Amino acid sequence: MWEEKDNKLIRSFTFEDFQSAFAFMTKLALYAEQVNHHPYWSNIYNRVTIELCTHDAGDVVTDKDYNFARAADAFYAKFV
């Protein structure tokens, strides 16, 4: 689940393997470009961690972040 902490929405996603984790990131990257909202994220083997905040709103959590989080959850649901 997403956690709001230090003006960020944060969640880690766990996958079967690196390939699945990277495929998730690729699909989400295309979505991020489409909506012009780019996350802080990291990938270590089968785990992707995402941190969301809206830079042009002063690095706080906004509706853009909640919308992105919902999209990430929907993409993830297709992998598990």
C-alpha atoms as a PDB file:
ATOM      1  CA  MET A   1       0.000   0.000   0.000  1.00  0.00           C
ATOM      2  CA  TRP A   2       1.014   3.594  -0.530  1.00  0.00           C
ATOM      3  CA  GLU A   3       2.338   5.505   2.451  1.00  0.00           C
ATOM      4  CA  GLU A   4       2.372   9.291   2.665  1.00  0.00           C
ATOM      5  CA  LYS A   5       5.580  10.341   4.386  1.00  0.00           C
ATOM      6  CA  ASP A   6       7.733  13.479   4.251  1.00  0.00           C
ATOM      7  CA  ASN A   7       5.575  15.078   1.526  1.00  0.00           C
ATOM      8  CA  LYS A   8       5.835  11.988  -0.700  1.00  0.00           C
ATOM      9  CA  LEU A   9       3.718   8.999  -1.604  1.00  0.00           C
ATOM     10  CA  ILE A  10       5.910   5.907  -1.311  1.00  0.00           C
ATOM     11  CA  ARG A  11       5.369   2.281  -2.256  1.00  0.00           C
ATOM     12  CA  SER A  12       7.478  -0.752  -3.097  1.00  0.00           C
ATOM     13  CA  PHE A  13       6.323  -3.380  -5.576  1.00  0.00           C
ATOM     14  CA  THR A  14       7.704  -6.933  -5.602  1.00  0.00           C
ATOM     15  CA  PHE A  15       7.807  -9.085  -8.732  1.00  0.00           C
ATOM     16  CA  GLU A  16       8.700 -12.644  -9.636  1.00  0.00           C
ATOM     17  CA  ASP A  17      12.009 -11.600 -11.189  1.00  0.00           C
ATOM     18  CA  PHE A  18      14.050  -8.723 -12.597  1.00  0.00           C
ATOM     19  CA  GLN A  19      12.514  -9.016 -16.052  1.00  0.00           C
ATOM     20  CA  SER A  20       8.981  -8.518 -14.677  1.00  0.00           C
ATOM     21  CA  ALA A  21      10.099  -5.592 -12.521  1.00  0.00           C
ATOM     22  CA  PHE A  22      11.751  -3.927 -15.495  1.00  0.00           C
ATOM     23  CA  ALA A  23       8.726  -4.543 -17.740  1.00  0.00           C
ATOM     24  CA  PHE A  24       6.550  -2.820 -15.106  1.00  0.00           C
ATOM     25  CA  MET A  25       8.918   0.142 -15.034  1.00  0.00           C
ATOM     26  CA  THR A  26       8.901   0.348 -18.826  1.00  0.00           C
ATOM     27  CA  LYS A  27       5.101   0.405 -19.035  1.00  0.00           C
ATOM     28  CA  LEU A  28       4.913   2.937 -16.219  1.00  0.00           C
ATOM     29  CA  ALA A  29       7.612   5.098 -17.840  1.00  0.00           C
ATOM     30  CA  LEU A  30       5.502   5.375 -20.991  1.00  0.00           C
ATOM     31  CA  TYR A  31       2.515   6.408 -18.860  1.00  0.00           C
ATOM     32  CA  ALA A  32       4.672   8.934 -16.953  1.00  0.00           C
ATOM     33  CA  GLU A  33       5.730  10.530 -20.213  1.00  0.00           C
ATOM     34  CA  GLN A  34       2.123  10.629 -21.424  1.00  0.00           C
ATOM     35  CA  VAL A  35       0.898  12.469 -18.312  1.00  0.00           C
ATOM     36  CA  ASN A  36       4.148  14.458 -17.890  1.00  0.00           C
ATOM     37  CA  HIS A  37       4.602  13.327 -14.299  1.00  0.00           C
ATOM     38  CA  HIS A  38       7.856  11.555 -13.552  1.00  0.00           C
ATOM     39  CA  PRO A  39       8.545   9.614 -10.349  1.00  0.00           C
ATOM     40  CA  TYR A  40      11.629   9.095  -8.278  1.00  0.00           C
ATOM     41  CA  TRP A  41      12.148   5.357  -8.443  1.00  0.00           C
ATOM     42  CA  SER A  42      14.655   2.611  -7.975  1.00  0.00           C
ATOM     43  CA  ASN A  43      14.911  -1.013  -9.003  1.00  0.00           C
ATOM     44  CA  ILE A  44      16.888  -3.718  -7.253  1.00  0.00           C
ATOM     45  CA  TYR A  45      16.402  -7.150  -8.795  1.00  0.00           C
ATOM     46  CA  ASN A  46      12.663  -7.899  -8.369  1.00  0.00           C
ATOM     47  CA  ARG A  47      11.716  -4.829  -6.338  1.00  0.00           C
ATOM     48  CA  VAL A  48      10.661  -1.388  -7.604  1.00  0.00           C
ATOM     49  CA  THR A  49      10.284   1.486  -5.139  1.00  0.00           C
ATOM     50  CA  ILE A  50       8.449   4.634  -6.224  1.00  0.00           C
ATOM     51  CA  GLU A  51       8.343   8.023  -4.516  1.00  0.00           C
ATOM     52  CA  LEU A  52       5.869  10.592  -5.799  1.00  0.00           C
ATOM     53  CA  CYS A  53       5.587  14.327  -5.235  1.00  0.00           C
ATOM     54  CA  THR A  54       4.733  17.187  -7.566  1.00  0.00           C
ATOM     55  CA  HIS A  55       7.812  19.282  -8.267  1.00  0.00           C
ATOM     56  CA  ASP A  56       6.050  22.307  -9.743  1.00  0.00           C
ATOM     57  CA  ALA A  57       3.759  22.478  -6.676  1.00  0.00           C
ATOM     58  CA  GLY A  58       6.703  22.783  -4.304  1.00  0.00           C
ATOM     59  CA  ASP A  59       7.501  19.078  -3.868  1.00  0.00           C
ATOM     60  CA  VAL A  60       4.290  18.166  -2.074  1.00  0.00           C
ATOM     61  CA  VAL A  61       1.715  15.452  -2.727  1.00  0.00           C
ATOM     62  CA  THR A  62      -1.058  16.535  -5.109  1.00  0.00           C
ATOM     63  CA  ASP A  63      -3.836  14.933  -7.134  1.00  0.00           C
ATOM     64  CA  LYS A  64      -1.255  14.241  -9.860  1.00  0.00           C
ATOM     65  CA  ASP A  65       0.547  11.939  -7.441  1.00  0.00           C
ATOM     66  CA  TYR A  66      -2.595  10.138  -6.334  1.00  0.00           C
ATOM     67  CA  ASN A  67      -3.578   9.634  -9.987  1.00  0.00           C
ATOM     68  CA  PHE A  68      -0.128   8.275 -10.777  1.00  0.00           C
ATOM     69  CA  ALA A  69      -0.288   5.960  -7.759  1.00  0.00           C
ATOM     70  CA  ARG A  70      -3.631   4.562  -8.938  1.00  0.00           C
ATOM     71  CA  ALA A  71      -2.183   3.984 -12.405  1.00  0.00           C
ATOM     72  CA  ALA A  72       0.865   2.219 -10.915  1.00  0.00           C
ATOM     73  CA  ASP A  73      -1.432  -0.012  -8.872  1.00  0.00           C
ATOM     74  CA  ALA A  74      -3.433  -0.876 -11.999  1.00  0.00           C
ATOM     75  CA  PHE A  75      -0.273  -1.735 -13.968  1.00  0.00           C
ATOM     76  CA  TYR A  76       0.999  -3.829 -11.053  1.00  0.00           C
ATOM     77  CA  ALA A  77      -2.271  -5.780 -10.866  1.00  0.00           C
ATOM     78  CA  LYS A  78      -1.521  -7.125 -14.349  1.00  0.00           C
ATOM     79  CA  PHE A  79       1.754  -8.620 -13.116  1.00  0.00           C
ATOM     80  CA  VAL A  80       0.504 -10.488 -10.049  1.00  0.00           C
END
